[in-house]
Amino acid sequence: MTLEYINPSDLPTPTTYTQVVVARGTRLIFVAGQEPEARRPR
């Protein structure tokens, strides 16, 4: 399985992880940095 590491230019570029990883062979996509939305807007 090959892995493609992607840090989109409009997102921060962290030093400890990658924003997106695409795994090929069986296609799996891992997306980092997701945050839940607030139940009530502030």
PDB file of N, CA and C in Angstrom:
ATOM      1  N   MET A   1       0.842  -1.166   0.000  1.00  0.00           N
ATOM      2  CA  MET A   1       0.000   0.000   0.000  1.00  0.00           C
ATOM      3  C   MET A   1       0.894   1.238   0.000  1.00  0.00           C
ATOM      4  N   THR A   2       0.620   2.184  -0.882  1.00  0.00           N
ATOM      5  CA  THR A   2       1.370   3.434  -0.914  1.00  0.00           C
ATOM      6  C   THR A   2       0.570   4.527  -0.215  1.00  0.00           C
ATOM      7  N   LEU A   3       1.280   5.464   0.388  1.00  0.00           N
ATOM      8  CA  LEU A   3       0.642   6.562   1.111  1.00  0.00           C
ATOM      9  C   LEU A   3       1.034   7.882   0.463  1.00  0.00           C
ATOM     10  N   GLU A   4       0.059   8.763   0.287  1.00  0.00           N
ATOM     11  CA  GLU A   4       0.300  10.104  -0.236  1.00  0.00           C
ATOM     12  C   GLU A   4      -0.051  11.094   0.873  1.00  0.00           C
ATOM     13  N   TYR A   5       0.908  11.894   1.293  1.00  0.00           N
ATOM     14  CA  TYR A   5       0.731  12.864   2.370  1.00  0.00           C
ATOM     15  C   TYR A   5       0.460  14.235   1.762  1.00  0.00           C
ATOM     16  N   ILE A   6      -0.634  14.869   2.178  1.00  0.00           N
ATOM     17  CA  ILE A   6      -1.051  16.138   1.584  1.00  0.00           C
ATOM     18  C   ILE A   6      -1.295  17.169   2.677  1.00  0.00           C
ATOM     19  N   ASN A   7      -0.701  18.334   2.526  1.00  0.00           N
ATOM     20  CA  ASN A   7      -0.995  19.497   3.353  1.00  0.00           C
ATOM     21  C   ASN A   7      -1.505  20.587   2.409  1.00  0.00           C
ATOM     22  N   PRO A   8      -2.840  20.780   2.315  1.00  0.00           N
ATOM     23  CA  PRO A   8      -3.374  21.798   1.415  1.00  0.00           C
ATOM     24  C   PRO A   8      -2.800  23.181   1.753  1.00  0.00           C
ATOM     25  N   SER A   9      -2.556  23.981   0.734  1.00  0.00           N
ATOM     26  CA  SER A   9      -1.904  25.278   0.931  1.00  0.00           C
ATOM     27  C   SER A   9      -2.739  26.252   1.751  1.00  0.00           C
ATOM     28  N   ASP A  10      -4.061  26.085   1.799  1.00  0.00           N
ATOM     29  CA  ASP A  10      -4.895  27.011   2.563  1.00  0.00           C
ATOM     30  C   ASP A  10      -5.113  26.573   4.012  1.00  0.00           C
ATOM     31  N   LEU A  11      -4.451  25.493   4.441  1.00  0.00           N
ATOM     32  CA  LEU A  11      -4.511  25.037   5.831  1.00  0.00           C
ATOM     33  C   LEU A  11      -3.131  25.175   6.465  1.00  0.00           C
ATOM     34  N   PRO A  12      -3.077  25.265   7.797  1.00  0.00           N
ATOM     35  CA  PRO A  12      -1.769  25.320   8.459  1.00  0.00           C
ATOM     36  C   PRO A  12      -0.941  24.072   8.140  1.00  0.00           C
ATOM     37  N   THR A  13       0.369  24.211   8.120  1.00  0.00           N
ATOM     38  CA  THR A  13       1.266  23.080   7.889  1.00  0.00           C
ATOM     39  C   THR A  13       1.903  22.689   9.216  1.00  0.00           C
ATOM     40  N   PRO A  14       1.317  21.717   9.909  1.00  0.00           N
ATOM     41  CA  PRO A  14       1.866  21.301  11.195  1.00  0.00           C
ATOM     42  C   PRO A  14       3.172  20.529  11.022  1.00  0.00           C
ATOM     43  N   THR A  15       3.994  20.525  12.053  1.00  0.00           N
ATOM     44  CA  THR A  15       5.265  19.797  11.987  1.00  0.00           C
ATOM     45  C   THR A  15       5.144  18.376  12.518  1.00  0.00           C
ATOM     46  N   THR A  16       4.060  18.064  13.233  1.00  0.00           N
ATOM     47  CA  THR A  16       3.943  16.753  13.874  1.00  0.00           C
ATOM     48  C   THR A  16       2.986  15.794  13.170  1.00  0.00           C
ATOM     49  N   TYR A  17       2.226  16.276  12.194  1.00  0.00           N
ATOM     50  CA  TYR A  17       1.311  15.399  11.461  1.00  0.00           C
ATOM     51  C   TYR A  17       1.004  16.019  10.100  1.00  0.00           C
ATOM     52  N   THR A  18       0.306  15.256   9.246  1.00  0.00           N
ATOM     53  CA  THR A  18      -0.110  15.704   7.918  1.00  0.00           C
ATOM     54  C   THR A  18      -1.623  15.865   7.922  1.00  0.00           C
ATOM     55  N   GLN A  19      -2.115  16.899   7.264  1.00  0.00           N
ATOM     56  CA  GLN A  19      -3.559  17.170   7.247  1.00  0.00           C
ATOM     57  C   GLN A  19      -4.349  16.035   6.589  1.00  0.00           C
ATOM     58  N   VAL A  20      -3.843  15.489   5.488  1.00  0.00           N
ATOM     59  CA  VAL A  20      -4.563  14.445   4.741  1.00  0.00           C
ATOM     60  C   VAL A  20      -3.574  13.355   4.355  1.00  0.00           C
ATOM     61  N   VAL A  21      -4.000  12.101   4.470  1.00  0.00           N
ATOM     62  CA  VAL A  21      -3.216  10.972   3.967  1.00  0.00           C
ATOM     63  C   VAL A  21      -4.139  10.131   3.094  1.00  0.00           C
ATOM     64  N   VAL A  22      -3.715   9.861   1.864  1.00  0.00           N
ATOM     65  CA  VAL A  22      -4.465   8.996   0.968  1.00  0.00           C
ATOM     66  C   VAL A  22      -3.690   7.695   0.857  1.00  0.00           C
ATOM     67  N   ALA A  23      -4.331   6.575   1.206  1.00  0.00           N
ATOM     68  CA  ALA A  23      -3.713   5.251   1.117  1.00  0.00           C
ATOM     69  C   ALA A  23      -4.236   4.570  -0.144  1.00  0.00           C
ATOM     70  N   ARG A  24      -3.331   4.144  -1.014  1.00  0.00           N
ATOM     71  CA  ARG A  24      -3.739   3.487  -2.261  1.00  0.00           C
ATOM     72  C   ARG A  24      -3.393   2.001  -2.201  1.00  0.00           C
ATOM     73  N   GLY A  25      -4.173   1.237  -2.864  1.00  0.00           N
ATOM     74  CA  GLY A  25      -4.146  -0.219  -2.845  1.00  0.00           C
ATOM     75  C   GLY A  25      -5.586  -0.574  -2.542  1.00  0.00           C
ATOM     76  N   THR A  26      -5.944  -0.359  -1.327  1.00  0.00           N
ATOM     77  CA  THR A  26      -7.330  -0.204  -0.925  1.00  0.00           C
ATOM     78  C   THR A  26      -7.415   1.278  -0.632  1.00  0.00           C
ATOM     79  N   ARG A  27      -8.411   1.962  -1.125  1.00  0.00           N
ATOM     80  CA  ARG A  27      -8.435   3.423  -0.973  1.00  0.00           C
ATOM     81  C   ARG A  27      -9.040   3.809   0.369  1.00  0.00           C
ATOM     82  N   LEU A  28      -8.192   4.362   1.205  1.00  0.00           N
ATOM     83  CA  LEU A  28      -8.595   4.915   2.494  1.00  0.00           C
ATOM     84  C   LEU A  28      -8.100   6.345   2.544  1.00  0.00           C
ATOM     85  N   ILE A  29      -8.911   7.242   3.058  1.00  0.00           N
ATOM     86  CA  ILE A  29      -8.498   8.639   3.190  1.00  0.00           C
ATOM     87  C   ILE A  29      -8.655   9.034   4.646  1.00  0.00           C
ATOM     88  N   PHE A  30      -7.570   9.545   5.236  1.00  0.00           N
ATOM     89  CA  PHE A  30      -7.576  10.007   6.618  1.00  0.00           C
ATOM     90  C   PHE A  30      -7.441  11.519   6.608  1.00  0.00           C
ATOM     91  N   VAL A  31      -8.346  12.199   7.287  1.00  0.00           N
ATOM     92  CA  VAL A  31      -8.318  13.654   7.344  1.00  0.00           C
ATOM     93  C   VAL A  31      -8.141  14.071   8.796  1.00  0.00           C
ATOM     94  N   ALA A  32      -7.134  14.889   9.076  1.00  0.00           N
ATOM     95  CA  ALA A  32      -6.840  15.327  10.435  1.00  0.00           C
ATOM     96  C   ALA A  32      -7.404  16.715  10.690  1.00  0.00           C
ATOM     97  N   GLY A  33      -7.471  17.086  11.966  1.00  0.00           N
ATOM     98  CA  GLY A  33      -7.795  18.449  12.342  1.00  0.00           C
ATOM     99  C   GLY A  33      -9.262  18.800  12.302  1.00  0.00           C
ATOM    100  N   GLN A  34     -10.137  17.833  12.310  1.00  0.00           N
ATOM    101  CA  GLN A  34     -11.558  18.134  12.307  1.00  0.00           C
ATOM    102  C   GLN A  34     -12.002  18.556  13.707  1.00  0.00           C
ATOM    103  N   GLU A  35     -12.877  19.549  13.763  1.00  0.00           N
ATOM    104  CA  GLU A  35     -13.383  20.033  15.043  1.00  0.00           C
ATOM    105  C   GLU A  35     -14.899  19.982  15.019  1.00  0.00           C
ATOM    106  N   PRO A  36     -15.522  19.630  16.141  1.00  0.00           N
ATOM    107  CA  PRO A  36     -16.992  19.633  16.187  1.00  0.00           C
ATOM    108  C   PRO A  36     -17.515  21.068  16.158  1.00  0.00           C
ATOM    109  N   GLU A  37     -18.718  21.219  15.640  1.00  0.00           N
ATOM    110  CA  GLU A  37     -19.358  22.531  15.647  1.00  0.00           C
ATOM    111  C   GLU A  37     -20.027  22.743  17.005  1.00  0.00           C
ATOM    112  N   ALA A  38     -20.133  23.986  17.410  1.00  0.00           N
ATOM    113  CA  ALA A  38     -20.799  24.301  18.671  1.00  0.00           C
ATOM    114  C   ALA A  38     -22.307  24.040  18.524  1.00  0.00           C
ATOM    115  N   ARG A  39     -22.913  23.539  19.588  1.00  0.00           N
ATOM    116  CA  ARG A  39     -24.357  23.319  19.551  1.00  0.00           C
ATOM    117  C   ARG A  39     -25.102  24.645  19.399  1.00  0.00           C
ATOM    118  N   ARG A  40     -24.616  25.640  20.110  1.00  0.00           N
ATOM    119  CA  ARG A  40     -25.214  26.968  20.036  1.00  0.00           C
ATOM    120  C   ARG A  40     -24.187  27.935  19.506  1.00  0.00           C
ATOM    121  N   PRO A  41     -24.540  28.683  18.455  1.00  0.00           N
ATOM    122  CA  PRO A  41     -23.569  29.684  17.956  1.00  0.00           C
ATOM    123  C   PRO A  41     -23.229  30.707  19.032  1.00  0.00           C
ATOM    124  N   ARG A  42     -22.005  31.179  19.026  1.00  0.00           N
ATOM    125  CA  ARG A  42     -21.592  32.177  20.021  1.00  0.00           C
ATOM    126  C   ARG A  42     -21.894  33.570  19.560  1.00  0.00           C
TER     127      ARG A  42
END
